[in-house]
PDB file of N, CA and C in Angstrom:
ATOM      1  N   UNK A   1      81.770 111.760 111.160  1.00  0.00           N
ATOM      2  CA  UNK A   1      82.987 111.009 110.951  1.00  0.00           C
ATOM      3  C   UNK A   1      84.191 111.763 111.510  1.00  0.00           C
ATOM      4  N   UNK A   2      84.201 113.071 111.342  1.00  0.00           N
ATOM      5  CA  UNK A   2      85.356 113.836 111.812  1.00  0.00           C
ATOM      6  C   UNK A   2      85.467 113.848 113.332  1.00  0.00           C
ATOM      7  N   UNK A   3      84.390 113.497 114.026  1.00  0.00           N
ATOM      8  CA  UNK A   3      84.428 113.420 115.484  1.00  0.00           C
ATOM      9  C   UNK A   3      84.809 112.030 115.979  1.00  0.00           C
ATOM     10  N   UNK A   4      85.160 111.144 115.049  1.00  0.00           N
ATOM     11  CA  UNK A   4      85.572 109.804 115.432  1.00  0.00           C
ATOM     12  C   UNK A   4      84.416 108.911 115.830  1.00  0.00           C
ATOM     13  N   UNK A   5      83.271 109.152 115.217  1.00  0.00           N
ATOM     14  CA  UNK A   5      82.090 108.342 115.513  1.00  0.00           C
ATOM     15  C   UNK A   5      81.714 107.499 114.302  1.00  0.00           C
ATOM     16  N   UNK A   6      81.211 106.290 114.531  1.00  0.00           N
ATOM     17  CA  UNK A   6      80.755 105.469 113.415  1.00  0.00           C
ATOM     18  C   UNK A   6      79.509 106.087 112.781  1.00  0.00           C
ATOM     19  N   UNK A   7      79.250 105.698 111.546  1.00  0.00           N
ATOM     20  CA  UNK A   7      78.161 106.280 110.773  1.00  0.00           C
ATOM     21  C   UNK A   7      77.109 105.224 110.457  1.00  0.00           C
ATOM     22  N   UNK A   8      75.855 105.622 110.566  1.00  0.00           N
ATOM     23  CA  UNK A   8      74.753 104.839 110.015  1.00  0.00           C
ATOM     24  C   UNK A   8      74.081 105.765 109.019  1.00  0.00           C
ATOM     25  N   UNK A   9      74.093 105.371 107.738  1.00  0.00           N
ATOM     26  CA  UNK A   9      73.570 106.243 106.691  1.00  0.00           C
ATOM     27  C   UNK A   9      72.726 105.452 105.702  1.00  0.00           C
ATOM     28  N   UNK A  10      71.826 106.155 105.039  1.00  0.00           N
ATOM     29  CA  UNK A  10      71.043 105.548 103.964  1.00  0.00           C
ATOM     30  C   UNK A  10      71.907 105.429 102.724  1.00  0.00           C
ATOM     31  N   UNK A  11      71.773 104.332 102.026  1.00  0.00           N
ATOM     32  CA  UNK A  11      72.545 104.083 100.810  1.00  0.00           C
ATOM     33  C   UNK A  11      71.858 104.772  99.633  1.00  0.00           C
ATOM     34  N   UNK A  12      71.975 106.086  99.592  1.00  0.00           N
ATOM     35  CA  UNK A  12      71.378 106.891  98.524  1.00  0.00           C
ATOM     36  C   UNK A  12      72.423 107.864  97.995  1.00  0.00           C
ATOM     37  N   UNK A  13      72.249 108.286  96.770  1.00  0.00           N
ATOM     38  CA  UNK A  13      73.154 109.267  96.188  1.00  0.00           C
ATOM     39  C   UNK A  13      74.602 108.827  96.268  1.00  0.00           C
ATOM     40  N   UNK A  14      75.469 109.766  96.605  1.00  0.00           N
ATOM     41  CA  UNK A  14      76.899 109.495  96.657  1.00  0.00           C
ATOM     42  C   UNK A  14      77.412 109.079  98.017  1.00  0.00           C
ATOM     43  N   UNK A  15      76.519 108.770  98.936  1.00  0.00           N
ATOM     44  CA  UNK A  15      76.934 108.411 100.296  1.00  0.00           C
ATOM     45  C   UNK A  15      77.907 107.237 100.291  1.00  0.00           C
ATOM     46  N   UNK A  16      77.686 106.280  99.405  1.00  0.00           N
ATOM     47  CA  UNK A  16      78.543 105.085  99.381  1.00  0.00           C
ATOM     48  C   UNK A  16      79.973 105.396  98.941  1.00  0.00           C
ATOM     49  N   UNK A  17      80.212 106.593  98.404  1.00  0.00           N
ATOM     50  CA  UNK A  17      81.577 106.985  98.053  1.00  0.00           C
ATOM     51  C   UNK A  17      82.398 107.311  99.297  1.00  0.00           C
ATOM     52  N   UNK A  18      81.727 107.593 100.398  1.00  0.00           N
ATOM     53  CA  UNK A  18      82.412 107.967 101.638  1.00  0.00           C
ATOM     54  C   UNK A  18      82.230 106.913 102.721  1.00  0.00           C
ATOM     55  N   UNK A  19      81.027 106.378 102.836  1.00  0.00           N
ATOM     56  CA  UNK A  19      80.702 105.444 103.914  1.00  0.00           C
ATOM     57  C   UNK A  19      80.748 104.012 103.396  1.00  0.00           C
ATOM     58  N   UNK A  20      81.492 103.167 104.092  1.00  0.00           N
ATOM     59  CA  UNK A  20      81.484 101.733 103.814  1.00  0.00           C
ATOM     60  C   UNK A  20      81.520 100.997 105.151  1.00  0.00           C
ATOM     61  N   UNK A  21      81.656  99.685 105.103  1.00  0.00           N
ATOM     62  CA  UNK A  21      81.606  98.884 106.330  1.00  0.00           C
ATOM     63  C   UNK A  21      82.742  99.166 107.300  1.00  0.00           C
ATOM     64  N   UNK A  22      83.821  99.758 106.828  1.00  0.00           N
ATOM     65  CA  UNK A  22      84.933 100.028 107.739  1.00  0.00           C
ATOM     66  C   UNK A  22      84.657 101.223 108.649  1.00  0.00           C
ATOM     67  N   UNK A  23      83.745 102.107 108.241  1.00  0.00           N
ATOM     68  CA  UNK A  23      83.453 103.304 109.039  1.00  0.00           C
ATOM     69  C   UNK A  23      82.042 103.319 109.607  1.00  0.00           C
ATOM     70  N   UNK A  24      81.216 102.380 109.167  1.00  0.00           N
ATOM     71  CA  UNK A  24      79.844 102.361 109.658  1.00  0.00           C
ATOM     72  C   UNK A  24      78.972 101.413 108.872  1.00  0.00           C
ATOM     73  N   UNK A  25      77.749 101.841 108.644  1.00  0.00           N
ATOM     74  CA  UNK A  25      76.747 100.985 108.013  1.00  0.00           C
ATOM     75  C   UNK A  25      75.989 101.771 106.955  1.00  0.00           C
ATOM     76  N   UNK A  26      75.808 101.158 105.792  1.00  0.00           N
ATOM     77  CA  UNK A  26      74.936 101.703 104.760  1.00  0.00           C
ATOM     78  C   UNK A  26      73.652 100.890 104.782  1.00  0.00           C
ATOM     79  N   UNK A  27      72.558 101.569 104.990  1.00  0.00           N
ATOM     80  CA  UNK A  27      71.266 100.901 105.111  1.00  0.00           C
ATOM     81  C   UNK A  27      70.421 101.252 103.891  1.00  0.00           C
ATOM     82  N   UNK A  28      69.858 100.242 103.266  1.00  0.00           N
ATOM     83  CA  UNK A  28      68.979 100.493 102.126  1.00  0.00           C
ATOM     84  C   UNK A  28      67.730 101.234 102.597  1.00  0.00           C
ATOM     85  N   UNK A  29      67.242 102.110 101.744  1.00  0.00           N
ATOM     86  CA  UNK A  29      66.053 102.892 102.075  1.00  0.00           C
ATOM     87  C   UNK A  29      64.911 101.962 102.494  1.00  0.00           C
ATOM     88  N   UNK A  30      64.325 102.254 103.629  1.00  0.00           N
ATOM     89  CA  UNK A  30      63.189 101.481 104.115  1.00  0.00           C
ATOM     90  C   UNK A  30      63.541 100.198 104.851  1.00  0.00           C
ATOM     91  N   UNK A  31      64.821  99.891 104.996  1.00  0.00           N
ATOM     92  CA  UNK A  31      65.242  98.650 105.654  1.00  0.00           C
ATOM     93  C   UNK A  31      65.282  98.849 107.170  1.00  0.00           C
ATOM     94  N   UNK A  32      64.127  98.727 107.787  1.00  0.00           N
ATOM     95  CA  UNK A  32      64.026  98.938 109.231  1.00  0.00           C
ATOM     96  C   UNK A  32      64.827  97.899 110.014  1.00  0.00           C
ATOM     97  N   UNK A  33      64.816  96.667 109.543  1.00  0.00           N
ATOM     98  CA  UNK A  33      65.566  95.610 110.236  1.00  0.00           C
ATOM     99  C   UNK A  33      67.071  95.852 110.133  1.00  0.00           C
ATOM    100  N   UNK A  34      67.528  96.325 108.981  1.00  0.00           N
ATOM    101  CA  UNK A  34      68.945  96.647 108.819  1.00  0.00           C
ATOM    102  C   UNK A  34      69.366  97.765 109.757  1.00  0.00           C
ATOM    103  N   UNK A  35      68.525  98.772 109.882  1.00  0.00           N
ATOM    104  CA  UNK A  35      68.797  99.872 110.806  1.00  0.00           C
ATOM    105  C   UNK A  35      68.826  99.359 112.241  1.00  0.00           C
ATOM    106  N   UNK A  36      67.878  98.517 112.570  1.00  0.00           N
ATOM    107  CA  UNK A  36      67.814  97.942 113.918  1.00  0.00           C
ATOM    108  C   UNK A  36      69.075  97.141 114.233  1.00  0.00           C
ATOM    109  N   UNK A  37      69.530  96.318 113.268  1.00  0.00           N
ATOM    110  CA  UNK A  37      70.748  95.514 113.474  1.00  0.00           C
ATOM    111  C   UNK A  37      71.978  96.399 113.670  1.00  0.00           C
ATOM    112  N   UNK A  38      72.091  97.447 112.844  1.00  0.00           N
ATOM    113  CA  UNK A  38      73.250  98.342 112.950  1.00  0.00           C
ATOM    114  C   UNK A  38      73.271  99.041 114.306  1.00  0.00           C
ATOM    115  N   UNK A  39      72.131  99.559 114.723  1.00  0.00           N
ATOM    116  CA  UNK A  39      72.054 100.227 116.026  1.00  0.00           C
ATOM    117  C   UNK A  39      72.391  99.262 117.159  1.00  0.00           C
ATOM    118  N   UNK A  40      71.827  98.066 117.094  1.00  0.00           N
ATOM    119  CA  UNK A  40      72.075  97.079 118.152  1.00  0.00           C
ATOM    120  C   UNK A  40      73.555  96.717 118.225  1.00  0.00           C
ATOM    121  N   UNK A  41      74.179  96.533 117.071  1.00  0.00           N
ATOM    122  CA  UNK A  41      75.597  96.174 117.057  1.00  0.00           C
ATOM    123  C   UNK A  41      76.444  97.281 117.681  1.00  0.00           C
ATOM    124  N   UNK A  42      76.140  98.523 117.356  1.00  0.00           N
ATOM    125  CA  UNK A  42      76.907  99.634 117.925  1.00  0.00           C
ATOM    126  C   UNK A  42      76.640  99.801 119.422  1.00  0.00           C
ATOM    127  N   UNK A  43      75.407  99.600 119.827  1.00  0.00           N
ATOM    128  CA  UNK A  43      75.074  99.708 121.252  1.00  0.00           C
ATOM    129  C   UNK A  43      75.748  98.599 122.049  1.00  0.00           C
ATOM    130  N   UNK A  44      75.753  97.400 121.492  1.00  0.00           N
ATOM    131  CA  UNK A  44      76.257  96.231 122.216  1.00  0.00           C
ATOM    132  C   UNK A  44      77.776  96.096 122.228  1.00  0.00           C
ATOM    133  N   UNK A  45      78.467  96.719 121.278  1.00  0.00           N
ATOM    134  CA  UNK A  45      79.905  96.471 121.161  1.00  0.00           C
ATOM    135  C   UNK A  45      80.725  97.760 121.160  1.00  0.00           C
ATOM    136  N   UNK A  46      81.346  98.020 122.277  1.00  0.00           N
ATOM    137  CA  UNK A  46      82.231  99.186 122.368  1.00  0.00           C
ATOM    138  C   UNK A  46      83.401  99.041 121.400  1.00  0.00           C
ATOM    139  N   UNK A  47      83.905  97.827 121.241  1.00  0.00           N
ATOM    140  CA  UNK A  47      85.044  97.593 120.346  1.00  0.00           C
ATOM    141  C   UNK A  47      84.695  97.970 118.905  1.00  0.00           C
ATOM    142  N   UNK A  48      83.508  97.606 118.460  1.00  0.00           N
ATOM    143  CA  UNK A  48      83.085  97.947 117.095  1.00  0.00           C
ATOM    144  C   UNK A  48      82.891  99.454 116.968  1.00  0.00           C
ATOM    145  N   UNK A  49      82.281 100.078 117.979  1.00  0.00           N
ATOM    146  CA  UNK A  49      82.114 101.540 117.952  1.00  0.00           C
ATOM    147  C   UNK A  49      83.458 102.232 117.812  1.00  0.00           C
ATOM    148  N   UNK A  50      84.429 101.795 118.609  1.00  0.00           N
ATOM    149  CA  UNK A  50      85.750 102.423 118.576  1.00  0.00           C
ATOM    150  C   UNK A  50      86.460 102.174 117.246  1.00  0.00           C
ATOM    151  N   UNK A  51      86.404 100.949 116.762  1.00  0.00           N
ATOM    152  CA  UNK A  51      87.083 100.620 115.501  1.00  0.00           C
ATOM    153  C   UNK A  51      86.507 101.425 114.336  1.00  0.00           C
ATOM    154  N   UNK A  52      85.191 101.391 114.179  1.00  0.00           N
ATOM    155  CA  UNK A  52      84.559 102.111 113.075  1.00  0.00           C
ATOM    156  C   UNK A  52      84.727 103.620 113.249  1.00  0.00           C
ATOM    157  N   UNK A  53      84.639 104.105 114.468  1.00  0.00           N
ATOM    158  CA  UNK A  53      84.830 105.528 114.730  1.00  0.00           C
ATOM    159  C   UNK A  53      86.242 105.983 114.403  1.00  0.00           C
ATOM    160  N   UNK A  54      87.230 105.208 114.815  1.00  0.00           N
ATOM    161  CA  UNK A  54      88.624 105.542 114.499  1.00  0.00           C
ATOM    162  C   UNK A  54      88.871 105.510 112.993  1.00  0.00           C
ATOM    163  N   UNK A  55      88.299 104.513 112.324  1.00  0.00           N
ATOM    164  CA  UNK A  55      88.440 104.431 110.869  1.00  0.00           C
ATOM    165  C   UNK A  55      87.780 105.626 110.184  1.00  0.00           C
ATOM    166  N   UNK A  56      86.644 106.052 110.715  1.00  0.00           N
ATOM    167  CA  UNK A  56      85.941 107.204 110.139  1.00  0.00           C
ATOM    168  C   UNK A  56      86.792 108.465 110.262  1.00  0.00           C
ATOM    169  N   UNK A  57      87.336 108.690 111.436  1.00  0.00           N
ATOM    170  CA  UNK A  57      88.190 109.864 111.660  1.00  0.00           C
ATOM    171  C   UNK A  57      89.408 109.837 110.731  1.00  0.00           C
ATOM    172  N   UNK A  58      90.018 108.672 110.616  1.00  0.00           N
ATOM    173  CA  UNK A  58      91.196 108.518 109.763  1.00  0.00           C
ATOM    174  C   UNK A  58      90.847 108.818 108.302  1.00  0.00           C
ATOM    175  N   UNK A  59      89.690 108.344 107.837  1.00  0.00           N
ATOM    176  CA  UNK A  59      89.283 108.596 106.452  1.00  0.00           C
ATOM    177  C   UNK A  59      89.130 110.094 106.195  1.00  0.00           C
ATOM    178  N   UNK A  60      88.531 110.803 107.128  1.00  0.00           N
ATOM    179  CA  UNK A  60      88.367 112.250 106.967  1.00  0.00           C
ATOM    180  C   UNK A  60      89.731 112.928 106.931  1.00  0.00           C
ATOM    181  N   UNK A  61      90.600 112.559 107.855  1.00  0.00           N
ATOM    182  CA  UNK A  61      91.927 113.182 107.921  1.00  0.00           C
ATOM    183  C   UNK A  61      92.759 112.897 106.676  1.00  0.00           C
ATOM    184  N   UNK A  62      92.588 111.725 106.085  1.00  0.00           N
ATOM    185  CA  UNK A  62      93.386 111.348 104.917  1.00  0.00           C
ATOM    186  C   UNK A  62      92.814 111.872 103.605  1.00  0.00           C
ATOM    187  N   UNK A  63      91.510 112.048 103.532  1.00  0.00           N
ATOM    188  CA  UNK A  63      90.906 112.343 102.231  1.00  0.00           C
ATOM    189  C   UNK A  63      90.088 113.618 102.143  1.00  0.00           C
ATOM    190  N   UNK A  64      89.665 114.176 103.251  1.00  0.00           N
ATOM    191  CA  UNK A  64      88.694 115.261 103.174  1.00  0.00           C
ATOM    192  C   UNK A  64      89.077 116.511 103.957  1.00  0.00           C
ATOM    193  N   UNK A  65      90.372 116.759 104.107  1.00  0.00           N
ATOM    194  CA  UNK A  65      90.779 118.016 104.733  1.00  0.00           C
ATOM    195  C   UNK A  65      90.505 119.156 103.752  1.00  0.00           C
ATOM    196  N   UNK A  66      90.490 120.367 104.244  1.00  0.00           N
ATOM    197  CA  UNK A  66      90.242 121.521 103.382  1.00  0.00           C
ATOM    198  C   UNK A  66      91.278 121.592 102.268  1.00  0.00           C
ATOM    199  N   UNK A  67      92.551 121.414 102.610  1.00  0.00           N
ATOM    200  CA  UNK A  67      93.606 121.475 101.593  1.00  0.00           C
ATOM    201  C   UNK A  67      93.419 120.416 100.513  1.00  0.00           C
ATOM    202  N   UNK A  68      93.077 119.211 100.918  1.00  0.00           N
ATOM    203  CA  UNK A  68      92.899 118.139  99.935  1.00  0.00           C
ATOM    204  C   UNK A  68      91.677 118.388  99.060  1.00  0.00           C
ATOM    205  N   UNK A  69      90.606 118.875  99.651  1.00  0.00           N
ATOM    206  CA  UNK A  69      89.406 119.155  98.867  1.00  0.00           C
ATOM    207  C   UNK A  69      89.654 120.305  97.890  1.00  0.00           C
ATOM    208  N   UNK A  70      90.378 121.339  98.324  1.00  0.00           N
ATOM    209  CA  UNK A  70      90.709 122.443  97.419  1.00  0.00           C
ATOM    210  C   UNK A  70      91.590 121.962  96.272  1.00  0.00           C
ATOM    211  N   UNK A  71      92.553 121.124  96.590  1.00  0.00           N
ATOM    212  CA  UNK A  71      93.439 120.590  95.563  1.00  0.00           C
ATOM    213  C   UNK A  71      92.662 119.755  94.546  1.00  0.00           C
ATOM    214  N   UNK A  72      91.765 118.904  95.025  1.00  0.00           N
ATOM    215  CA  UNK A  72      90.957 118.081  94.118  1.00  0.00           C
ATOM    216  C   UNK A  72      90.065 118.952  93.236  1.00  0.00           C
ATOM    217  N   UNK A  73      89.493 119.985  93.816  1.00  0.00           N
ATOM    218  CA  UNK A  73      88.638 120.890  93.048  1.00  0.00           C
ATOM    219  C   UNK A  73      89.458 121.629  91.996  1.00  0.00           C
ATOM    220  N   UNK A  74      90.629 122.084  92.382  1.00  0.00           N
ATOM    221  CA  UNK A  74      91.508 122.779  91.443  1.00  0.00           C
ATOM    222  C   UNK A  74      91.870 121.870  90.269  1.00  0.00           C
ATOM    223  N   UNK A  75      92.153 120.607  90.549  1.00  0.00           N
ATOM    224  CA  UNK A  75      92.511 119.665  89.490  1.00  0.00           C
ATOM    225  C   UNK A  75      91.377 119.494  88.483  1.00  0.00           C
ATOM    226  N   UNK A  76      90.144 119.536  88.952  1.00  0.00           N
ATOM    227  CA  UNK A  76      88.998 119.430  88.044  1.00  0.00           C
ATOM    228  C   UNK A  76      88.997 120.605  87.072  1.00  0.00           C
ATOM    229  N   UNK A  77      89.259 121.799  87.578  1.00  0.00           N
ATOM    230  CA  UNK A  77      89.246 122.988  86.727  1.00  0.00           C
ATOM    231  C   UNK A  77      90.450 123.054  85.796  1.00  0.00           C
ATOM    232  N   UNK A  78      91.558 122.446  86.188  1.00  0.00           N
ATOM    233  CA  UNK A  78      92.757 122.480  85.356  1.00  0.00           C
ATOM    234  C   UNK A  78      92.734 121.456  84.226  1.00  0.00           C
ATOM    235  N   UNK A  79      91.830 120.522  84.278  1.00  0.00           N
ATOM    236  CA  UNK A  79      91.760 119.489  83.233  1.00  0.00           C
ATOM    237  C   UNK A  79      91.147 120.023  81.971  1.00  0.00           C
TER     238      UNK A  79
END
């Protein structure tokens, strides 16, 4: 995401807290057709690749910089 690329990820654990349709695709475990559709859409559409990639980069810059992560961690300990 930090490289401005769209994401295709399995919908397991906490992945859905970071990845949504604006930055890529969440694929249910074992959903081969879903994976195939996501790959095909990204291969076929430069506009979608750019949009989701730009959104991914923006999400990282807005929410997951080192300073922001340190601040969030500090807040947990201060509570």
